Each structure stands twice: as C-alpha cells, then as structure tokens.
Amino acid sequence: PDTPKPGTFLPLDNAVVSDGARLRREDQANTFDVYTARGRHYVMQAKSSGDANNWIRAMRQHTAKETENQIMDRAERAIRKNEYASASRIAQHARQIRSQQEAAEGAEAVDEVNDA
C-alpha cells in the first residue's frame, strides 16, 4: 500500500493513462487505468479524487502518446486561456481610452470656463 517495492517501475513510454471513466464499484473509488505499450493493464488507486487527477496529469506528461480527446482537451484549455488573456488586454485598453476621453472632456470644460 504505502510502502513501494524497491526497483519496481512502470514504463510509461507510449502508455495510455485513462481516468477510468467506466463504472466502478464503490471500493474502486479514485482509481485510474494505465495501459502500457506491452499490453499490460494496471488499475491504480489514489487516496482521493484530487490525488488521482494529479497522478493522471503527471503520468500523462511522461507518456509519448496522447489520445485524440486528450489533445483536444489540452487545445481547448489553451484557447480559453488565450481568449481570457486577450479579453483582459482589450478591457485594459478600453479603460485607458475611457480615461483619456474623460481627461480630454475635463480639459475642454476648463477651456470653456476660461473662454467665458
């Protein structure tokens, strides 16, 4: 359980790490699957769902193979992140323009008072 076997490792080259979305029994909570390039299937269990997600993410970073859905998910996250950054830059630019316009309107009002 919490004591690793010395010298034991799981080769992740070209492995597929799955979140185990198939239905599991209650005693299989927080589990995920690892399918190795040699055809071995391992069911791993973490202490919590957050731990399982961290393990899945870390293991996927060390595999050379991603499923099409994983690639699309990663691409969608990057697009959303980029869109948020772009929207933030646009909003900042709009605030700067509004400040400049307000300053110009204030200067025009002062000029009108001085001309009167």
PDB file of N, CA and C in Angstrom:
ATOM      1  N   PRO A   1       0.801  -1.208   0.000  1.00  0.00           N
ATOM      2  CA  PRO A   1       0.000   0.000   0.000  1.00  0.00           C
ATOM      3  C   PRO A   1       0.837   1.263   0.000  1.00  0.00           C
ATOM      4  N   ASP A   2       1.343   1.741   1.145  1.00  0.00           N
ATOM      5  CA  ASP A   2       2.120   2.971   1.168  1.00  0.00           C
ATOM      6  C   ASP A   2       3.617   2.706   1.122  1.00  0.00           C
ATOM      7  N   THR A   3       4.036   1.458   1.072  1.00  0.00           N
ATOM      8  CA  THR A   3       5.461   1.138   1.012  1.00  0.00           C
ATOM      9  C   THR A   3       5.783   0.610  -0.373  1.00  0.00           C
ATOM     10  N   PRO A   4       6.580   1.357  -1.147  1.00  0.00           N
ATOM     11  CA  PRO A   4       6.910   0.919  -2.505  1.00  0.00           C
ATOM     12  C   PRO A   4       7.885  -0.244  -2.492  1.00  0.00           C
ATOM     13  N   LYS A   5       7.800  -1.036  -3.548  1.00  0.00           N
ATOM     14  CA  LYS A   5       8.765  -2.120  -3.717  1.00  0.00           C
ATOM     15  C   LYS A   5      10.009  -1.524  -4.366  1.00  0.00           C
ATOM     16  N   PRO A   6      11.166  -1.713  -3.764  1.00  0.00           N
ATOM     17  CA  PRO A   6      12.392  -1.176  -4.366  1.00  0.00           C
ATOM     18  C   PRO A   6      12.626  -1.777  -5.748  1.00  0.00           C
ATOM     19  N   GLY A   7      13.015  -0.921  -6.672  1.00  0.00           N
ATOM     20  CA  GLY A   7      13.362  -1.399  -8.010  1.00  0.00           C
ATOM     21  C   GLY A   7      12.170  -1.648  -8.911  1.00  0.00           C
ATOM     22  N   THR A   8      10.964  -1.391  -8.458  1.00  0.00           N
ATOM     23  CA  THR A   8       9.785  -1.607  -9.279  1.00  0.00           C
ATOM     24  C   THR A   8       9.428  -0.305  -9.979  1.00  0.00           C
ATOM     25  N   PHE A   9       9.149  -0.383 -11.274  1.00  0.00           N
ATOM     26  CA  PHE A   9       8.735   0.810 -12.003  1.00  0.00           C
ATOM     27  C   PHE A   9       7.748   0.417 -13.077  1.00  0.00           C
ATOM     28  N   LEU A  10       7.048   1.386 -13.577  1.00  0.00           N
ATOM     29  CA  LEU A  10       6.046   1.183 -14.607  1.00  0.00           C
ATOM     30  C   LEU A  10       6.475   1.972 -15.834  1.00  0.00           C
ATOM     31  N   PRO A  11       6.841   1.284 -16.934  1.00  0.00           N
ATOM     32  CA  PRO A  11       7.283   2.016 -18.128  1.00  0.00           C
ATOM     33  C   PRO A  11       6.117   2.787 -18.750  1.00  0.00           C
ATOM     34  N   LEU A  12       6.301   4.096 -18.921  1.00  0.00           N
ATOM     35  CA  LEU A  12       5.234   4.934 -19.456  1.00  0.00           C
ATOM     36  C   LEU A  12       5.424   5.302 -20.926  1.00  0.00           C
ATOM     37  N   ASP A  13       6.513   4.842 -21.547  1.00  0.00           N
ATOM     38  CA  ASP A  13       6.710   5.131 -22.965  1.00  0.00           C
ATOM     39  C   ASP A  13       5.547   4.568 -23.766  1.00  0.00           C
ATOM     40  N   ASN A  14       4.871   5.436 -24.490  1.00  0.00           N
ATOM     41  CA  ASN A  14       3.722   5.077 -25.320  1.00  0.00           C
ATOM     42  C   ASN A  14       2.584   4.448 -24.527  1.00  0.00           C
ATOM     43  N   ALA A  15       2.512   4.722 -23.240  1.00  0.00           N
ATOM     44  CA  ALA A  15       1.407   4.218 -22.417  1.00  0.00           C
ATOM     45  C   ALA A  15       0.211   5.145 -22.553  1.00  0.00           C
ATOM     46  N   VAL A  16      -0.954   4.621 -22.243  1.00  0.00           N
ATOM     47  CA  VAL A  16      -2.172   5.419 -22.210  1.00  0.00           C
ATOM     48  C   VAL A  16      -2.653   5.427 -20.772  1.00  0.00           C
ATOM     49  N   VAL A  17      -2.859   6.637 -20.241  1.00  0.00           N
ATOM     50  CA  VAL A  17      -3.342   6.793 -18.873  1.00  0.00           C
ATOM     51  C   VAL A  17      -4.780   7.292 -18.972  1.00  0.00           C
ATOM     52  N   SER A  18      -5.705   6.519 -18.427  1.00  0.00           N
ATOM     53  CA  SER A  18      -7.127   6.825 -18.526  1.00  0.00           C
ATOM     54  C   SER A  18      -7.683   7.154 -17.153  1.00  0.00           C
ATOM     55  N   ASP A  19      -8.653   8.059 -17.116  1.00  0.00           N
ATOM     56  CA  ASP A  19      -9.251   8.420 -15.834  1.00  0.00           C
ATOM     57  C   ASP A  19     -10.211   7.362 -15.316  1.00  0.00           C
ATOM     58  N   GLY A  20     -10.338   6.262 -15.998  1.00  0.00           N
ATOM     59  CA  GLY A  20     -11.192   5.176 -15.529  1.00  0.00           C
ATOM     60  C   GLY A  20     -12.651   5.559 -15.524  1.00  0.00           C
ATOM     61  N   ALA A  21     -13.087   6.223 -16.577  1.00  0.00           N
ATOM     62  CA  ALA A  21     -14.452   6.732 -16.625  1.00  0.00           C
ATOM     63  C   ALA A  21     -15.501   5.617 -16.623  1.00  0.00           C
ATOM     64  N   ARG A  22     -15.083   4.407 -16.873  1.00  0.00           N
ATOM     65  CA  ARG A  22     -16.066   3.320 -16.850  1.00  0.00           C
ATOM     66  C   ARG A  22     -16.619   3.185 -15.433  1.00  0.00           C
ATOM     67  N   LEU A  23     -17.759   2.580 -15.315  1.00  0.00           N
ATOM     68  CA  LEU A  23     -18.379   2.437 -13.991  1.00  0.00           C
ATOM     69  C   LEU A  23     -17.513   1.573 -13.097  1.00  0.00           C
ATOM     70  N   ARG A  24     -17.341   2.029 -11.893  1.00  0.00           N
ATOM     71  CA  ARG A  24     -16.535   1.309 -10.912  1.00  0.00           C
ATOM     72  C   ARG A  24     -17.387   1.027  -9.684  1.00  0.00           C
ATOM     73  N   ARG A  25     -17.007   0.011  -8.986  1.00  0.00           N
ATOM     74  CA  ARG A  25     -17.668  -0.269  -7.717  1.00  0.00           C
ATOM     75  C   ARG A  25     -17.206   0.753  -6.688  1.00  0.00           C
ATOM     76  N   GLU A  26     -17.922   0.848  -5.585  1.00  0.00           N
ATOM     77  CA  GLU A  26     -17.593   1.821  -4.551  1.00  0.00           C
ATOM     78  C   GLU A  26     -16.187   1.617  -4.007  1.00  0.00           C
ATOM     79  N   ASP A  27     -15.746   0.356  -3.902  1.00  0.00           N
ATOM     80  CA  ASP A  27     -14.404   0.092  -3.373  1.00  0.00           C
ATOM     81  C   ASP A  27     -13.311   0.433  -4.380  1.00  0.00           C
ATOM     82  N   GLN A  28     -13.706   0.869  -5.581  1.00  0.00           N
ATOM     83  CA  GLN A  28     -12.738   1.255  -6.605  1.00  0.00           C
ATOM     84  C   GLN A  28     -12.743   2.767  -6.836  1.00  0.00           C
ATOM     85  N   ALA A  29     -13.134   3.523  -5.829  1.00  0.00           N
ATOM     86  CA  ALA A  29     -13.144   4.983  -5.957  1.00  0.00           C
ATOM     87  C   ALA A  29     -11.717   5.491  -6.132  1.00  0.00           C
ATOM     88  N   ASN A  30     -11.578   6.603  -6.829  1.00  0.00           N
ATOM     89  CA  ASN A  30     -10.288   7.274  -7.034  1.00  0.00           C
ATOM     90  C   ASN A  30      -9.290   6.414  -7.805  1.00  0.00           C
ATOM     91  N   THR A  31      -9.801   5.609  -8.702  1.00  0.00           N
ATOM     92  CA  THR A  31      -8.911   4.752  -9.481  1.00  0.00           C
ATOM     93  C   THR A  31      -8.728   5.309 -10.884  1.00  0.00           C
ATOM     94  N   PHE A  32      -7.650   4.874 -11.521  1.00  0.00           N
ATOM     95  CA  PHE A  32      -7.393   5.213 -12.916  1.00  0.00           C
ATOM     96  C   PHE A  32      -6.632   4.058 -13.546  1.00  0.00           C
ATOM     97  N   ASP A  33      -6.624   4.010 -14.875  1.00  0.00           N
ATOM     98  CA  ASP A  33      -6.031   2.896 -15.605  1.00  0.00           C
ATOM     99  C   ASP A  33      -4.763   3.321 -16.330  1.00  0.00           C
ATOM    100  N   VAL A  34      -3.821   2.410 -16.386  1.00  0.00           N
ATOM    101  CA  VAL A  34      -2.610   2.602 -17.180  1.00  0.00           C
ATOM    102  C   VAL A  34      -2.491   1.397 -18.101  1.00  0.00           C
ATOM    103  N   TYR A  35      -2.435   1.661 -19.403  1.00  0.00           N
ATOM    104  CA  TYR A  35      -2.257   0.630 -20.413  1.00  0.00           C
ATOM    105  C   TYR A  35      -0.874   0.835 -21.017  1.00  0.00           C
ATOM    106  N   THR A  36       0.025  -0.128 -20.828  1.00  0.00           N
ATOM    107  CA  THR A  36       1.389   0.035 -21.331  1.00  0.00           C
ATOM    108  C   THR A  36       1.476  -0.381 -22.793  1.00  0.00           C
ATOM    109  N   ALA A  37       2.573   0.003 -23.428  1.00  0.00           N
ATOM    110  CA  ALA A  37       2.809  -0.351 -24.826  1.00  0.00           C
ATOM    111  C   ALA A  37       2.956  -1.864 -24.991  1.00  0.00           C
ATOM    112  N   ARG A  38       3.320  -2.548 -23.930  1.00  0.00           N
ATOM    113  CA  ARG A  38       3.469  -4.015 -23.984  1.00  0.00           C
ATOM    114  C   ARG A  38       2.156  -4.745 -23.736  1.00  0.00           C
ATOM    115  N   GLY A  39       1.073  -3.982 -23.616  1.00  0.00           N
ATOM    116  CA  GLY A  39      -0.236  -4.599 -23.480  1.00  0.00           C
ATOM    117  C   GLY A  39      -0.664  -4.896 -22.053  1.00  0.00           C
ATOM    118  N   ARG A  40       0.093  -4.444 -21.086  1.00  0.00           N
ATOM    119  CA  ARG A  40      -0.284  -4.666 -19.686  1.00  0.00           C
ATOM    120  C   ARG A  40      -1.298  -3.614 -19.268  1.00  0.00           C
ATOM    121  N   HIS A  41      -2.221  -4.007 -18.399  1.00  0.00           N
ATOM    122  CA  HIS A  41      -3.241  -3.093 -17.885  1.00  0.00           C
ATOM    123  C   HIS A  41      -3.129  -3.055 -16.366  1.00  0.00           C
ATOM    124  N   TYR A  42      -2.989  -1.844 -15.849  1.00  0.00           N
ATOM    125  CA  TYR A  42      -2.892  -1.645 -14.407  1.00  0.00           C
ATOM    126  C   TYR A  42      -4.040  -0.745 -13.966  1.00  0.00           C
ATOM    127  N   VAL A  43      -4.658  -1.094 -12.851  1.00  0.00           N
ATOM    128  CA  VAL A  43      -5.643  -0.219 -12.226  1.00  0.00           C
ATOM    129  C   VAL A  43      -4.971   0.324 -10.980  1.00  0.00           C
ATOM    130  N   MET A  44      -4.827   1.654 -10.941  1.00  0.00           N
ATOM    131  CA  MET A  44      -4.165   2.316  -9.822  1.00  0.00           C
ATOM    132  C   MET A  44      -5.219   2.992  -8.960  1.00  0.00           C
ATOM    133  N   GLN A  45      -4.964   3.087  -7.655  1.00  0.00           N
ATOM    134  CA  GLN A  45      -5.899   3.762  -6.762  1.00  0.00           C
ATOM    135  C   GLN A  45      -5.156   4.796  -5.932  1.00  0.00           C
ATOM    136  N   ALA A  46      -5.705   6.016  -5.909  1.00  0.00           N
ATOM    137  CA  ALA A  46      -5.136   7.114  -5.131  1.00  0.00           C
ATOM    138  C   ALA A  46      -5.953   7.305  -3.861  1.00  0.00           C
ATOM    139  N   LYS A  47      -5.440   8.127  -2.954  1.00  0.00           N
ATOM    140  CA  LYS A  47      -6.133   8.362  -1.686  1.00  0.00           C
ATOM    141  C   LYS A  47      -7.376   9.228  -1.850  1.00  0.00           C
ATOM    142  N   SER A  48      -7.398  10.086  -2.884  1.00  0.00           N
ATOM    143  CA  SER A  48      -8.540  10.971  -3.115  1.00  0.00           C
ATOM    144  C   SER A  48      -8.697  11.193  -4.613  1.00  0.00           C
ATOM    145  N   SER A  49      -9.830  11.775  -5.012  1.00  0.00           N
ATOM    146  CA  SER A  49     -10.021  12.048  -6.442  1.00  0.00           C
ATOM    147  C   SER A  49      -9.039  13.112  -6.910  1.00  0.00           C
ATOM    148  N   GLY A  50      -8.734  14.093  -6.039  1.00  0.00           N
ATOM    149  CA  GLY A  50      -7.742  15.113  -6.393  1.00  0.00           C
ATOM    150  C   GLY A  50      -6.374  14.505  -6.600  1.00  0.00           C
ATOM    151  N   ASP A  51      -6.005  13.574  -5.721  1.00  0.00           N
ATOM    152  CA  ASP A  51      -4.738  12.859  -5.866  1.00  0.00           C
ATOM    153  C   ASP A  51      -4.713  12.072  -7.175  1.00  0.00           C
ATOM    154  N   ALA A  52      -5.826  11.406  -7.477  1.00  0.00           N
ATOM    155  CA  ALA A  52      -5.904  10.626  -8.719  1.00  0.00           C
ATOM    156  C   ALA A  52      -5.705  11.540  -9.921  1.00  0.00           C
ATOM    157  N   ASN A  53      -6.370  12.707  -9.908  1.00  0.00           N
ATOM    158  CA  ASN A  53      -6.213  13.652 -11.029  1.00  0.00           C
ATOM    159  C   ASN A  53      -4.773  14.127 -11.150  1.00  0.00           C
ATOM    160  N   ASN A  54      -4.114  14.377 -10.017  1.00  0.00           N
ATOM    161  CA  ASN A  54      -2.704  14.796 -10.052  1.00  0.00           C
ATOM    162  C   ASN A  54      -1.818  13.697 -10.626  1.00  0.00           C
ATOM    163  N   TRP A  55      -2.064  12.461 -10.220  1.00  0.00           N
ATOM    164  CA  TRP A  55      -1.284  11.335 -10.754  1.00  0.00           C
ATOM    165  C   TRP A  55      -1.511  11.188 -12.260  1.00  0.00           C
ATOM    166  N   ILE A  56      -2.763  11.272 -12.673  1.00  0.00           N
ATOM    167  CA  ILE A  56      -3.085  11.135 -14.104  1.00  0.00           C
ATOM    168  C   ILE A  56      -2.363  12.210 -14.900  1.00  0.00           C
ATOM    169  N   ARG A  57      -2.468  13.449 -14.439  1.00  0.00           N
ATOM    170  CA  ARG A  57      -1.822  14.573 -15.135  1.00  0.00           C
ATOM    171  C   ARG A  57      -0.304  14.375 -15.204  1.00  0.00           C
ATOM    172  N   ALA A  58       0.296  13.985 -14.087  1.00  0.00           N
ATOM    173  CA  ALA A  58       1.747  13.797 -14.052  1.00  0.00           C
ATOM    174  C   ALA A  58       2.176  12.647 -14.958  1.00  0.00           C
ATOM    175  N   MET A  59       1.432  11.562 -14.925  1.00  0.00           N
ATOM    176  CA  MET A  59       1.809  10.411 -15.763  1.00  0.00           C
ATOM    177  C   MET A  59       1.627  10.718 -17.242  1.00  0.00           C
ATOM    178  N   ARG A  60       0.579  11.438 -17.575  1.00  0.00           N
ATOM    179  CA  ARG A  60       0.350  11.792 -18.983  1.00  0.00           C
ATOM    180  C   ARG A  60       1.471  12.669 -19.521  1.00  0.00           C
ATOM    181  N   GLN A  61       2.077  13.472 -18.657  1.00  0.00           N
ATOM    182  CA  GLN A  61       3.184  14.311 -19.106  1.00  0.00           C
ATOM    183  C   GLN A  61       4.410  13.485 -19.468  1.00  0.00           C
ATOM    184  N   HIS A  62       4.478  12.264 -18.980  1.00  0.00           N
ATOM    185  CA  HIS A  62       5.641  11.417 -19.224  1.00  0.00           C
ATOM    186  C   HIS A  62       5.371  10.302 -20.216  1.00  0.00           C
ATOM    187  N   THR A  63       4.209  10.316 -20.832  1.00  0.00           N
ATOM    188  CA  THR A  63       3.920   9.344 -21.879  1.00  0.00           C
ATOM    189  C   THR A  63       4.127  10.022 -23.215  1.00  0.00           C
ATOM    190  N   ALA A  64       4.504   9.263 -24.195  1.00  0.00           N
ATOM    191  CA  ALA A  64       4.723   9.836 -25.524  1.00  0.00           C
ATOM    192  C   ALA A  64       3.445   9.795 -26.347  1.00  0.00           C
ATOM    193  N   LYS A  65       2.408   9.215 -25.799  1.00  0.00           N
ATOM    194  CA  LYS A  65       1.190   9.013 -26.569  1.00  0.00           C
ATOM    195  C   LYS A  65       0.016   9.684 -25.865  1.00  0.00           C
ATOM    196  N   GLU A  66      -0.730  10.493 -26.609  1.00  0.00           N
ATOM    197  CA  GLU A  66      -1.937  11.111 -26.090  1.00  0.00           C
ATOM    198  C   GLU A  66      -3.096  10.692 -26.976  1.00  0.00           C
ATOM    199  N   THR A  67      -4.240  10.503 -26.379  1.00  0.00           N
ATOM    200  CA  THR A  67      -5.403  10.186 -27.194  1.00  0.00           C
ATOM    201  C   THR A  67      -5.891  11.458 -27.865  1.00  0.00           C
ATOM    202  N   GLU A  68      -6.689  11.304 -28.872  1.00  0.00           N
ATOM    203  CA  GLU A  68      -7.227  12.457 -29.595  1.00  0.00           C
ATOM    204  C   GLU A  68      -8.015  13.365 -28.651  1.00  0.00           C
ATOM    205  N   ASN A  69      -8.805  12.763 -27.761  1.00  0.00           N
ATOM    206  CA  ASN A  69      -9.585  13.567 -26.812  1.00  0.00           C
ATOM    207  C   ASN A  69      -8.675  14.355 -25.872  1.00  0.00           C
ATOM    208  N   GLN A  70      -7.591  13.764 -25.437  1.00  0.00           N
ATOM    209  CA  GLN A  70      -6.663  14.469 -24.555  1.00  0.00           C
ATOM    210  C   GLN A  70      -6.050  15.665 -25.271  1.00  0.00           C
ATOM    211  N   ILE A  71      -5.689  15.490 -26.522  1.00  0.00           N
ATOM    212  CA  ILE A  71      -5.110  16.576 -27.305  1.00  0.00           C
ATOM    213  C   ILE A  71      -6.140  17.692 -27.494  1.00  0.00           C
ATOM    214  N   MET A  72      -7.387  17.318 -27.799  1.00  0.00           N
ATOM    215  CA  MET A  72      -8.433  18.318 -27.990  1.00  0.00           C
ATOM    216  C   MET A  72      -8.717  19.054 -26.678  1.00  0.00           C
ATOM    217  N   ASP A  73      -8.752  18.335 -25.564  1.00  0.00           N
ATOM    218  CA  ASP A  73      -8.967  18.978 -24.265  1.00  0.00           C
ATOM    219  C   ASP A  73      -7.866  19.987 -23.970  1.00  0.00           C
ATOM    220  N   ARG A  74      -6.629  19.590 -24.235  1.00  0.00           N
ATOM    221  CA  ARG A  74      -5.493  20.479 -23.990  1.00  0.00           C
ATOM    222  C   ARG A  74      -5.582  21.715 -24.885  1.00  0.00           C
ATOM    223  N   ALA A  75      -5.962  21.508 -26.149  1.00  0.00           N
ATOM    224  CA  ALA A  75      -6.095  22.623 -27.085  1.00  0.00           C
ATOM    225  C   ALA A  75      -7.204  23.579 -26.651  1.00  0.00           C
ATOM    226  N   GLU A  76      -8.335  23.033 -26.201  1.00  0.00           N
ATOM    227  CA  GLU A  76      -9.435  23.878 -25.753  1.00  0.00           C
ATOM    228  C   GLU A  76      -9.043  24.696 -24.524  1.00  0.00           C
ATOM    229  N   ARG A  77      -8.307  24.080 -23.591  1.00  0.00           N
ATOM    230  CA  ARG A  77      -7.853  24.833 -22.409  1.00  0.00           C
ATOM    231  C   ARG A  77      -6.920  25.965 -22.812  1.00  0.00           C
ATOM    232  N   ALA A  78      -6.038  25.699 -23.773  1.00  0.00           N
ATOM    233  CA  ALA A  78      -5.108  26.732 -24.236  1.00  0.00           C
ATOM    234  C   ALA A  78      -5.862  27.869 -24.917  1.00  0.00           C
ATOM    235  N   ILE A  79      -6.871  27.525 -25.695  1.00  0.00           N
ATOM    236  CA  ILE A  79      -7.668  28.551 -26.386  1.00  0.00           C
ATOM    237  C   ILE A  79      -8.400  29.407 -25.365  1.00  0.00           C
ATOM    238  N   ARG A  80      -9.050  28.761 -24.375  1.00  0.00           N
ATOM    239  CA  ARG A  80      -9.764  29.528 -23.347  1.00  0.00           C
ATOM    240  C   ARG A  80      -8.806  30.431 -22.589  1.00  0.00           C
ATOM    241  N   LYS A  81      -7.636  29.911 -22.254  1.00  0.00           N
ATOM    242  CA  LYS A  81      -6.654  30.709 -21.522  1.00  0.00           C
ATOM    243  C   LYS A  81      -6.224  31.904 -22.362  1.00  0.00           C
ATOM    244  N   ASN A  82      -5.958  31.671 -23.651  1.00  0.00           N
ATOM    245  CA  ASN A  82      -5.542  32.743 -24.546  1.00  0.00           C
ATOM    246  C   ASN A  82      -6.665  33.753 -24.737  1.00  0.00           C
ATOM    247  N   GLU A  83      -7.920  33.264 -24.859  1.00  0.00           N
ATOM    248  CA  GLU A  83      -9.044  34.179 -25.026  1.00  0.00           C
ATOM    249  C   GLU A  83      -9.203  35.048 -23.791  1.00  0.00           C
ATOM    250  N   TYR A  84      -9.020  34.482 -22.615  1.00  0.00           N
ATOM    251  CA  TYR A  84      -9.124  35.257 -21.386  1.00  0.00           C
ATOM    252  C   TYR A  84      -8.043  36.334 -21.358  1.00  0.00           C
ATOM    253  N   ALA A  85      -6.823  35.957 -21.735  1.00  0.00           N
ATOM    254  CA  ALA A  85      -5.728  36.929 -21.748  1.00  0.00           C
ATOM    255  C   ALA A  85      -6.015  38.040 -22.761  1.00  0.00           C
ATOM    256  N   SER A  86      -6.532  37.674 -23.932  1.00  0.00           N
ATOM    257  CA  SER A  86      -6.866  38.671 -24.949  1.00  0.00           C
ATOM    258  C   SER A  86      -7.977  39.587 -24.456  1.00  0.00           C
ATOM    259  N   ALA A  87      -9.009  39.023 -23.853  1.00  0.00           N
ATOM    260  CA  ALA A  87     -10.112  39.824 -23.340  1.00  0.00           C
ATOM    261  C   ALA A  87      -9.622  40.777 -22.257  1.00  0.00           C
ATOM    262  N   SER A  88      -8.713  40.315 -21.426  1.00  0.00           N
ATOM    263  CA  SER A  88      -8.159  41.159 -20.375  1.00  0.00           C
ATOM    264  C   SER A  88      -7.385  42.330 -20.969  1.00  0.00           C
ATOM    265  N   ARG A  89      -6.581  42.056 -22.011  1.00  0.00           N
ATOM    266  CA  ARG A  89      -5.832  43.129 -22.669  1.00  0.00           C
ATOM    267  C   ARG A  89      -6.770  44.135 -23.327  1.00  0.00           C
ATOM    268  N   ILE A  90      -7.837  43.653 -23.959  1.00  0.00           N
ATOM    269  CA  ILE A  90      -8.803  44.538 -24.616  1.00  0.00           C
ATOM    270  C   ILE A  90      -9.502  45.415 -23.575  1.00  0.00           C
ATOM    271  N   ALA A  91      -9.891  44.809 -22.452  1.00  0.00           N
ATOM    272  CA  ALA A  91     -10.559  45.576 -21.390  1.00  0.00           C
ATOM    273  C   ALA A  91      -9.629  46.655 -20.836  1.00  0.00           C
ATOM    274  N   GLN A  92      -8.361  46.323 -20.650  1.00  0.00           N
ATOM    275  CA  GLN A  92      -7.384  47.295 -20.152  1.00  0.00           C
ATOM    276  C   GLN A  92      -7.239  48.448 -21.147  1.00  0.00           C
ATOM    277  N   HIS A  93      -7.190  48.126 -22.421  1.00  0.00           N
ATOM    278  CA  HIS A  93      -7.082  49.144 -23.463  1.00  0.00           C
ATOM    279  C   HIS A  93      -8.323  50.045 -23.452  1.00  0.00           C
ATOM    280  N   ALA A  94      -9.502  49.449 -23.291  1.00  0.00           N
ATOM    281  CA  ALA A  94     -10.742  50.229 -23.251  1.00  0.00           C
ATOM    282  C   ALA A  94     -10.736  51.178 -22.054  1.00  0.00           C
ATOM    283  N   ARG A  95     -10.245  50.716 -20.894  1.00  0.00           N
ATOM    284  CA  ARG A  95     -10.168  51.586 -19.716  1.00  0.00           C
ATOM    285  C   ARG A  95      -9.221  52.759 -19.959  1.00  0.00           C
ATOM    286  N   GLN A  96      -8.103  52.500 -20.635  1.00  0.00           N
ATOM    287  CA  GLN A  96      -7.154  53.573 -20.940  1.00  0.00           C
ATOM    288  C   GLN A  96      -7.793  54.615 -21.857  1.00  0.00           C
ATOM    289  N   ILE A  97      -8.501  54.160 -22.880  1.00  0.00           N
ATOM    290  CA  ILE A  97      -9.158  55.082 -23.811  1.00  0.00           C
ATOM    291  C   ILE A  97     -10.211  55.905 -23.081  1.00  0.00           C
ATOM    292  N   ARG A  98     -11.004  55.241 -22.225  1.00  0.00           N
ATOM    293  CA  ARG A  98     -12.038  55.956 -21.467  1.00  0.00           C
ATOM    294  C   ARG A  98     -11.400  57.022 -20.572  1.00  0.00           C
ATOM    295  N   SER A  99     -10.295  56.685 -19.914  1.00  0.00           N
ATOM    296  CA  SER A  99      -9.604  57.660 -19.054  1.00  0.00           C
ATOM    297  C   SER A  99      -9.112  58.837 -19.874  1.00  0.00           C
ATOM    298  N   GLN A 100      -8.568  58.573 -21.054  1.00  0.00           N
ATOM    299  CA  GLN A 100      -8.077  59.643 -21.916  1.00  0.00           C
ATOM    300  C   GLN A 100      -9.224  60.533 -22.374  1.00  0.00           C
ATOM    301  N   GLN A 101     -10.364  59.900 -22.728  1.00  0.00           N
ATOM    302  CA  GLN A 101     -11.529  60.676 -23.163  1.00  0.00           C
ATOM    303  C   GLN A 101     -12.053  61.539 -22.022  1.00  0.00           C
ATOM    304  N   GLU A 102     -12.115  60.973 -20.815  1.00  0.00           N
ATOM    305  CA  GLU A 102     -12.600  61.740 -19.666  1.00  0.00           C
ATOM    306  C   GLU A 102     -11.660  62.906 -19.366  1.00  0.00           C
ATOM    307  N   ALA A 103     -10.372  62.671 -19.497  1.00  0.00           N
ATOM    308  CA  ALA A 103      -9.401  63.745 -19.263  1.00  0.00           C
ATOM    309  C   ALA A 103      -9.558  64.841 -20.319  1.00  0.00           C
ATOM    310  N   ALA A 104      -9.762  64.427 -21.580  1.00  0.00           N
ATOM    311  CA  ALA A 104      -9.941  65.410 -22.661  1.00  0.00           C
ATOM    312  C   ALA A 104     -11.222  66.202 -22.457  1.00  0.00           C
ATOM    313  N   GLU A 105     -12.310  65.537 -22.031  1.00  0.00           N
ATOM    314  CA  GLU A 105     -13.577  66.239 -21.789  1.00  0.00           C
ATOM    315  C   GLU A 105     -13.417  67.221 -20.634  1.00  0.00           C
ATOM    316  N   GLY A 106     -12.674  66.828 -19.601  1.00  0.00           N
ATOM    317  CA  GLY A 106     -12.415  67.726 -18.473  1.00  0.00           C
ATOM    318  C   GLY A 106     -11.624  68.945 -18.910  1.00  0.00           C
ATOM    319  N   ALA A 107     -10.639  68.746 -19.780  1.00  0.00           N
ATOM    320  CA  ALA A 107      -9.824  69.856 -20.276  1.00  0.00           C
ATOM    321  C   ALA A 107     -10.674  70.797 -21.123  1.00  0.00           C
ATOM    322  N   GLU A 108     -11.595  70.247 -21.936  1.00  0.00           N
ATOM    323  CA  GLU A 108     -12.480  71.083 -22.760  1.00  0.00           C
ATOM    324  C   GLU A 108     -13.384  71.927 -21.871  1.00  0.00           C
ATOM    325  N   ALA A 109     -13.888  71.353 -20.786  1.00  0.00           N
ATOM    326  CA  ALA A 109     -14.766  72.094 -19.864  1.00  0.00           C
ATOM    327  C   ALA A 109     -14.000  73.243 -19.216  1.00  0.00           C
ATOM    328  N   VAL A 110     -12.744  73.014 -18.856  1.00  0.00           N
ATOM    329  CA  VAL A 110     -11.913  74.071 -18.263  1.00  0.00           C
ATOM    330  C   VAL A 110     -11.677  75.170 -19.287  1.00  0.00           C
ATOM    331  N   ASP A 111     -11.413  74.791 -20.537  1.00  0.00           N
ATOM    332  CA  ASP A 111     -11.203  75.778 -21.605  1.00  0.00           C
ATOM    333  C   ASP A 111     -12.443  76.638 -21.818  1.00  0.00           C
ATOM    334  N   GLU A 112     -13.637  76.005 -21.778  1.00  0.00           N
ATOM    335  CA  GLU A 112     -14.889  76.747 -21.971  1.00  0.00           C
ATOM    336  C   GLU A 112     -15.078  77.751 -20.841  1.00  0.00           C
ATOM    337  N   VAL A 113     -14.766  77.351 -19.611  1.00  0.00           N
ATOM    338  CA  VAL A 113     -14.891  78.258 -18.471  1.00  0.00           C
ATOM    339  C   VAL A 113     -13.927  79.428 -18.626  1.00  0.00           C
ATOM    340  N   ASN A 114     -12.699  79.144 -19.043  1.00  0.00           N
ATOM    341  CA  ASN A 114     -11.694  80.204 -19.203  1.00  0.00           C
ATOM    342  C   ASN A 114     -12.056  81.147 -20.350  1.00  0.00           C
ATOM    343  N   ASP A 115     -12.707  80.622 -21.410  1.00  0.00           N
ATOM    344  CA  ASP A 115     -13.113  81.453 -22.536  1.00  0.00           C
ATOM    345  C   ASP A 115     -14.298  82.359 -22.183  1.00  0.00           C
ATOM    346  N   ALA A 116     -15.079  81.962 -21.199  1.00  0.00           N
ATOM    347  CA  ALA A 116     -16.289  82.734 -20.870  1.00  0.00           C
ATOM    348  C   ALA A 116     -16.028  83.954 -20.059  1.00  0.00           C
TER     349      ALA A 116
END
